[in-house]
Amino acid sequence: MKKEKPILFTGIRPTGEVHIANLLAAIYPAVKAQDDYEEYLCIVDLHAITTPYNPEDMSQAIKEVAVDYLAAGINPDKVVLFVQSHIPYHTELMWLLNTITSVGELQRMTQYKEFKSRYKDAKAGILNYPVLMAADILLYKAKYVPVGEDQMQHLELARDIAKRFNQTFKKEVFPIPELAKLTEKPLRIKALNNPKNKMSKSLGPKSYIAIADDPDTIRRKISSAVTDTGPSQDTEKMSAGVANLFLLLRLTADEKTYNHMEEHYKNKTLKYVELKAVLAESIIDFLKPIQEKREELLDNIDYVAKVLSEGREKAYHKAGQVIKEVKEVMGLL
């Protein structure tokens, strides 16, 4: 008898360029997990529209996220890759879960409080964002969810909602989702221009390396990355900016190159211009096969559409079974 794989759910927002931190911290772990899990990889466009966006760009952004994951090695024969809004059961389950979720719980969410502090008119979509996220996870009875530190509070709420639903309706409909640890420890890749913060498009184009960046752009961004005044004579501890460059080098270069640069640093003979030059070429070589595959897929967008269509059928079937069970235990016809 074939052993069933544990179910893993991952959500990706289609918010423009995918950068190297997304690739290393989220996409590659999802690629590596596809043999060990029944994996649902969802492009969460309904989450993306809770913040300001350009409708003219959204459909292209959705396609490009799919392209990026396929180019990085996601196998649609192993992974269900689909678009959130293509499965209406996501919003249906969100509404059903709203009936057992208190407003107070949602108002305590850090994301909502931060949004409310920045904008006078905090939309209901931001308030209900974590309920939709819970619905995303529970709709596929996912046991494991890989999320960053900024989403841990939402995962905890999803766990609370699952427990409450099971207790309220006296049936173990939902497994209690857990954090999926797909890497030994979380990767904390920082912004090139502000290493106190994580790499993010919100900090401007100089803060990140997009996986579609051409070699000259990569060299330019790395050359302008924040470091410090040089290796200290008093301590071997790296500044945040230098540590970030070494982290990127460790993740993209071969071991010999990394050890060579590290030895130079320890001997206080390393010039940062040399480190940046080596790192830039390492990233260029690292991204080259992904960029080549990406161009092939962009030239064959019908194939990408086919993958998303087939993913929709698989996700719709699974979600339909779960929503039927949910409605039955809730006493709905």
Protein backbone atom coordinates (compact mmCIF):
# COMPACT_ATOMS: atom_id res chain seq x y z
CA MET A 1 0.00 0.00 0.00
CA LYS A 2 1.36 3.39 -1.04
CA LYS A 3 2.06 5.65 1.94
CA GLU A 4 0.21 8.97 1.81
CA LYS A 5 2.39 12.03 1.83
CA PRO A 6 1.73 14.83 4.34
CA ILE A 7 -0.04 17.82 2.79
CA LEU A 8 1.86 21.10 2.50
CA PHE A 9 0.33 24.44 1.46
CA THR A 10 2.33 27.43 0.23
CA GLY A 11 0.91 30.80 -0.81
CA ILE A 12 2.78 33.26 -3.04
CA ARG A 13 1.65 36.84 -3.60
CA PRO A 14 1.92 38.06 -7.21
CA THR A 15 3.38 41.44 -6.35
CA GLY A 16 5.88 42.02 -9.12
CA GLU A 17 9.46 40.89 -9.54
CA VAL A 18 10.59 37.79 -7.67
CA HIS A 19 13.95 38.48 -6.05
CA ILE A 20 16.82 36.28 -4.98
CA ALA A 21 15.68 36.16 -1.34
CA ASN A 22 12.31 34.78 -2.50
CA LEU A 23 14.17 32.24 -4.60
CA LEU A 24 16.54 31.05 -1.87
CA ALA A 25 14.21 31.24 1.13
CA ALA A 26 10.89 30.14 -0.39
CA ILE A 27 11.04 28.81 -3.94
CA TYR A 28 13.99 26.43 -3.61
CA PRO A 29 12.66 24.90 -0.37
CA ALA A 30 9.33 24.32 -2.16
CA VAL A 31 11.20 22.65 -5.04
CA LYS A 32 13.11 20.41 -2.65
CA ALA A 33 9.91 19.50 -0.78
CA GLN A 34 7.96 18.34 -3.83
CA ASP A 35 9.11 14.72 -3.50
CA ASP A 36 8.26 14.50 0.20
CA TYR A 37 4.89 16.26 0.39
CA GLU A 38 1.56 16.47 -1.39
CA GLU A 39 2.18 20.10 -2.21
CA TYR A 40 -0.36 22.80 -3.04
CA LEU A 41 1.36 25.88 -4.40
CA CYS A 42 -1.13 28.72 -4.61
CA ILE A 43 -0.67 32.12 -6.26
CA VAL A 44 -2.67 34.18 -3.77
CA ASP A 45 -4.04 36.98 -5.94
CA LEU A 46 -6.95 37.63 -3.56
CA HIS A 47 -4.44 38.50 -0.83
CA ALA A 48 -2.52 40.73 -3.24
CA ILE A 49 -5.51 42.97 -3.94
CA THR A 50 -5.87 43.94 -0.26
CA THR A 51 -3.17 46.56 -0.83
CA PRO A 52 -2.97 49.16 -3.64
CA TYR A 53 -2.13 47.64 -7.03
CA ASN A 54 -2.47 48.29 -10.76
CA PRO A 55 -5.21 46.07 -12.28
CA GLU A 56 -3.53 46.30 -15.68
CA ASP A 57 -0.42 44.59 -14.28
CA MET A 58 -2.05 41.89 -12.15
CA SER A 59 -2.69 39.20 -14.76
CA GLN A 60 0.89 39.46 -16.03
CA ALA A 61 2.23 39.32 -12.47
CA ILE A 62 0.27 36.12 -11.84
CA LYS A 63 1.70 34.50 -14.97
CA GLU A 64 5.23 35.58 -14.13
CA VAL A 65 5.06 34.09 -10.63
CA ALA A 66 4.05 30.78 -12.21
CA VAL A 67 6.90 31.13 -14.71
CA ASP A 68 9.42 31.82 -11.94
CA TYR A 69 8.41 28.75 -9.93
CA LEU A 70 8.48 26.51 -12.99
CA ALA A 71 11.84 27.93 -14.06
CA ALA A 72 13.25 27.22 -10.60
CA GLY A 73 12.30 23.55 -10.81
CA ILE A 74 8.70 23.09 -9.67
CA ASN A 75 7.33 19.98 -11.40
CA PRO A 76 3.59 20.31 -12.17
CA ASP A 77 3.33 16.51 -12.21
CA LYS A 78 4.26 16.53 -8.52
CA VAL A 79 2.89 19.87 -7.32
CA VAL A 80 -0.57 21.41 -7.67
CA LEU A 81 0.22 24.91 -8.95
CA PHE A 82 -2.88 27.11 -9.19
CA VAL A 83 -4.38 30.57 -8.78
CA GLN A 84 -6.36 31.34 -5.62
CA SER A 85 -9.20 33.24 -7.31
CA HIS A 86 -9.78 30.31 -9.68
CA ILE A 87 -11.12 28.30 -6.70
CA PRO A 88 -14.23 30.03 -5.29
CA TYR A 89 -14.17 27.71 -2.27
CA HIS A 90 -11.40 29.86 -0.73
CA THR A 91 -13.74 32.80 -0.19
CA GLU A 92 -16.66 30.53 0.74
CA LEU A 93 -14.65 28.86 3.50
CA MET A 94 -13.37 32.26 4.64
CA TRP A 95 -16.95 33.37 5.20
CA LEU A 96 -17.81 30.21 7.10
CA LEU A 97 -14.73 30.62 9.30
CA ASN A 98 -15.60 34.29 9.88
CA THR A 99 -18.65 33.07 11.81
CA ILE A 100 -16.41 31.54 14.52
CA THR A 101 -13.69 34.24 14.53
CA SER A 102 -13.93 37.29 16.79
CA VAL A 103 -13.27 40.83 15.60
CA GLY A 104 -11.00 41.30 18.61
CA GLU A 105 -8.69 38.53 17.44
CA LEU A 106 -8.35 40.16 14.04
CA GLN A 107 -7.80 43.64 15.44
CA ARG A 108 -4.89 42.31 17.51
CA MET A 109 -3.03 41.15 14.41
CA THR A 110 0.22 43.09 13.99
CA GLN A 111 -0.28 43.45 10.23
CA TYR A 112 -3.67 45.08 10.74
CA LYS A 113 -2.39 47.43 13.44
CA GLU A 114 0.55 48.51 11.30
CA PHE A 115 -1.68 49.11 8.29
CA LYS A 116 -4.14 51.09 10.40
CA SER A 117 -1.33 53.27 11.73
CA ARG A 118 -0.20 54.13 8.18
CA TYR A 119 -3.60 54.61 6.56
CA LYS A 120 -6.63 56.41 7.92
CA ASP A 121 -9.04 54.15 6.05
CA ALA A 122 -8.12 50.56 7.00
CA LYS A 123 -10.03 48.25 4.68
CA ALA A 124 -12.00 45.20 5.80
CA GLY A 125 -9.84 43.08 3.49
CA ILE A 126 -6.80 43.74 5.70
CA LEU A 127 -8.81 42.92 8.82
CA ASN A 128 -10.02 39.63 7.31
CA TYR A 129 -6.73 38.79 5.60
CA PRO A 130 -5.76 36.19 8.26
CA VAL A 131 -9.15 34.45 7.99
CA LEU A 132 -8.64 34.06 4.24
CA MET A 133 -5.15 32.73 4.94
CA ALA A 134 -6.63 30.21 7.39
CA ALA A 135 -9.16 29.20 4.74
CA ASP A 136 -6.36 28.74 2.19
CA ILE A 137 -4.57 26.32 4.50
CA LEU A 138 -7.55 24.44 5.92
CA LEU A 139 -9.29 24.03 2.56
CA TYR A 140 -6.67 21.46 1.59
CA LYS A 141 -6.34 19.99 5.10
CA ALA A 142 -2.69 21.03 5.05
CA LYS A 143 -0.63 19.75 7.95
CA TYR A 144 2.42 21.86 7.12
CA VAL A 145 2.82 25.49 6.07
CA PRO A 146 6.15 27.22 5.42
CA VAL A 147 5.87 30.86 6.49
CA GLY A 148 8.28 33.62 7.44
CA GLU A 149 8.47 35.26 10.84
CA ASP A 150 6.13 38.03 9.68
CA GLN A 151 3.35 35.48 9.06
CA MET A 152 3.74 33.38 12.23
CA GLN A 153 0.96 35.26 14.01
CA HIS A 154 -1.40 34.43 11.14
CA LEU A 155 -0.42 30.76 11.27
CA GLU A 156 -1.16 30.73 15.00
CA LEU A 157 -4.60 32.16 14.30
CA ALA A 158 -5.18 29.47 11.65
CA ARG A 159 -4.33 26.87 14.28
CA ASP A 160 -6.78 28.46 16.75
CA ILE A 161 -9.53 28.59 14.11
CA ALA A 162 -9.00 24.93 13.19
CA LYS A 163 -9.19 23.87 16.85
CA ARG A 164 -12.27 26.03 17.46
CA PHE A 165 -14.07 24.67 14.41
CA ASN A 166 -13.40 21.06 15.42
CA GLN A 167 -14.56 21.74 18.99
CA THR A 168 -17.62 23.79 17.99
CA PHE A 169 -18.96 21.22 15.55
CA LYS A 170 -17.66 18.17 17.48
CA LYS A 171 -15.78 16.60 14.60
CA GLU A 172 -12.09 16.56 13.69
CA VAL A 173 -12.56 18.08 10.25
CA PHE A 174 -9.28 19.97 10.12
CA PRO A 175 -5.78 18.85 11.12
CA ILE A 176 -4.00 21.50 13.18
CA PRO A 177 -1.46 23.09 10.80
CA GLU A 178 2.17 23.30 11.82
CA LEU A 179 5.13 25.32 10.66
CA ALA A 180 6.96 23.43 7.92
CA LYS A 181 10.70 23.62 8.53
CA LEU A 182 11.96 23.07 4.99
CA THR A 183 15.40 24.47 5.82
CA GLU A 184 17.64 23.86 8.84
CA LYS A 185 17.14 27.46 9.93
CA PRO A 186 15.32 30.42 8.39
CA LEU A 187 17.28 32.41 5.82
CA ARG A 188 17.40 36.06 6.76
CA ILE A 189 18.62 37.76 3.60
CA LYS A 190 18.81 41.51 4.08
CA ALA A 191 18.29 44.48 1.78
CA LEU A 192 21.43 45.47 -0.10
CA ASN A 193 20.87 49.16 0.60
CA ASN A 194 19.58 48.78 4.17
CA PRO A 195 20.86 45.60 5.85
CA LYS A 196 18.87 46.28 9.01
CA ASN A 197 15.76 45.22 7.08
CA LYS A 198 14.95 42.09 5.10
CA MET A 199 15.32 42.20 1.33
CA SER A 200 12.12 43.72 -0.02
CA LYS A 201 10.86 45.47 -3.14
CA SER A 202 9.31 48.10 -0.88
CA LEU A 203 12.79 49.48 -0.14
CA GLY A 204 13.42 50.27 -3.80
CA PRO A 205 15.13 48.52 -6.73
CA LYS A 206 18.61 48.90 -5.21
CA SER A 207 17.57 46.78 -2.22
CA TYR A 208 17.24 43.49 -4.08
CA ILE A 209 18.48 41.34 -6.95
CA ALA A 210 15.54 40.31 -9.14
CA ILE A 211 15.93 36.86 -10.66
CA ALA A 212 15.32 38.49 -14.05
CA ASP A 213 18.05 41.14 -13.61
CA ASP A 214 20.67 41.19 -16.38
CA PRO A 215 24.40 40.86 -15.50
CA ASP A 216 25.15 44.59 -15.65
CA THR A 217 22.24 45.37 -13.34
CA ILE A 218 23.40 42.74 -10.87
CA ARG A 219 26.96 44.09 -10.89
CA ARG A 220 25.69 47.64 -10.37
CA LYS A 221 23.41 46.69 -7.46
CA ILE A 222 26.07 44.61 -5.70
CA SER A 223 28.72 47.31 -6.16
CA SER A 224 26.49 49.83 -4.38
CA ALA A 225 25.56 47.47 -1.52
CA VAL A 226 26.13 48.78 2.01
CA THR A 227 29.18 47.34 3.80
CA ASP A 228 31.34 49.24 6.33
CA THR A 229 34.70 50.99 6.44
CA GLY A 230 36.66 47.70 6.38
CA PRO A 231 37.54 44.71 8.57
CA SER A 232 38.06 45.88 12.13
CA GLN A 233 41.38 45.35 13.88
CA ASP A 234 39.52 44.91 17.17
CA THR A 235 36.93 42.28 16.30
CA GLU A 236 36.22 39.61 13.74
CA LYS A 237 32.50 40.26 13.90
CA MET A 238 31.11 41.34 10.52
CA SER A 239 28.83 44.31 10.08
CA ALA A 240 25.27 43.51 8.97
CA GLY A 241 25.99 44.57 5.39
CA VAL A 242 29.15 42.48 5.04
CA ALA A 243 27.53 39.47 6.71
CA ASN A 244 24.68 39.72 4.21
CA LEU A 245 27.09 39.68 1.27
CA PHE A 246 28.87 36.66 2.70
CA LEU A 247 25.52 34.91 3.19
CA LEU A 248 24.64 35.49 -0.47
CA LEU A 249 28.10 34.25 -1.46
CA ARG A 250 27.68 31.08 0.61
CA LEU A 251 24.33 30.40 -1.03
CA THR A 252 25.39 31.04 -4.63
CA ALA A 253 29.13 30.27 -4.94
CA ASP A 254 31.09 27.03 -4.75
CA GLU A 255 32.71 26.12 -1.44
CA LYS A 256 36.24 26.90 -2.62
CA THR A 257 35.34 30.46 -3.61
CA TYR A 258 33.49 31.10 -0.37
CA ASN A 259 36.32 29.73 1.79
CA HIS A 260 38.85 31.85 -0.09
CA MET A 261 36.90 35.05 0.56
CA GLU A 262 36.28 34.13 4.19
CA GLU A 263 39.99 33.45 4.76
CA HIS A 264 40.85 36.86 3.29
CA TYR A 265 38.36 38.47 5.67
CA LYS A 266 39.77 36.68 8.72
CA ASN A 267 43.29 37.70 7.70
CA LYS A 268 42.07 41.30 7.27
CA THR A 269 43.36 41.34 3.69
CA LEU A 270 39.97 41.46 1.98
CA LYS A 271 38.98 44.47 -0.05
CA TYR A 272 35.22 44.83 -0.32
CA VAL A 273 35.46 45.80 -3.97
CA GLU A 274 36.92 42.32 -4.56
CA LEU A 275 34.21 40.64 -2.47
CA LYS A 276 31.51 42.47 -4.40
CA ALA A 277 33.02 41.58 -7.77
CA VAL A 278 33.24 37.89 -6.88
CA LEU A 279 29.72 37.88 -5.44
CA ALA A 280 28.23 39.58 -8.50
CA GLU A 281 29.74 36.99 -10.87
CA SER A 282 28.61 34.19 -8.55
CA ILE A 283 25.01 35.44 -8.59
CA ILE A 284 25.10 35.91 -12.37
CA ASP A 285 26.26 32.30 -12.87
CA PHE A 286 23.78 31.04 -10.27
CA LEU A 287 20.80 32.71 -11.94
CA LYS A 288 21.79 31.97 -15.55
CA PRO A 289 20.06 28.56 -15.92
CA ILE A 290 16.91 29.87 -14.24
CA GLN A 291 16.85 32.92 -16.52
CA GLU A 292 17.29 30.72 -19.60
CA LYS A 293 14.41 28.48 -18.53
CA ARG A 294 12.38 31.56 -17.68
CA GLU A 295 12.80 32.93 -21.21
CA GLU A 296 11.70 29.59 -22.68
CA LEU A 297 8.55 29.63 -20.57
CA LEU A 298 7.73 33.26 -21.41
CA ASP A 299 7.98 32.29 -25.08
CA ASN A 300 5.60 29.38 -24.41
CA ILE A 301 3.00 31.05 -22.21
CA ASP A 302 0.32 28.65 -23.48
CA TYR A 303 2.13 25.87 -21.62
CA VAL A 304 2.08 27.94 -18.42
CA ALA A 305 -1.66 28.55 -18.87
CA LYS A 306 -2.14 24.80 -19.31
CA VAL A 307 -0.25 24.08 -16.08
CA LEU A 308 -2.44 26.56 -14.17
CA SER A 309 -5.60 25.10 -15.73
CA GLU A 310 -4.64 21.57 -14.74
CA GLY A 311 -3.71 22.81 -11.27
CA ARG A 312 -7.12 24.44 -10.99
CA GLU A 313 -8.87 21.15 -11.74
CA LYS A 314 -6.88 19.26 -9.09
CA ALA A 315 -7.28 21.98 -6.46
CA TYR A 316 -11.00 22.39 -7.22
CA HIS A 317 -11.60 18.67 -6.71
CA LYS A 318 -9.77 18.56 -3.38
CA ALA A 319 -11.30 21.81 -2.10
CA GLY A 320 -14.79 20.72 -3.17
CA GLN A 321 -14.60 17.59 -1.05
CA VAL A 322 -13.48 19.56 2.00
CA ILE A 323 -16.11 22.33 1.65
CA LYS A 324 -18.81 19.65 1.35
CA GLU A 325 -17.68 18.10 4.64
CA VAL A 326 -17.50 21.52 6.31
CA LYS A 327 -21.04 22.46 5.25
CA GLU A 328 -22.42 19.13 6.38
CA VAL A 329 -21.03 19.43 9.92
CA MET A 330 -22.28 23.03 10.06
CA GLY A 331 -25.81 21.83 9.20
CA LEU A 332 -25.96 23.49 5.78
CA LEU A 333 -27.69 21.80 2.86
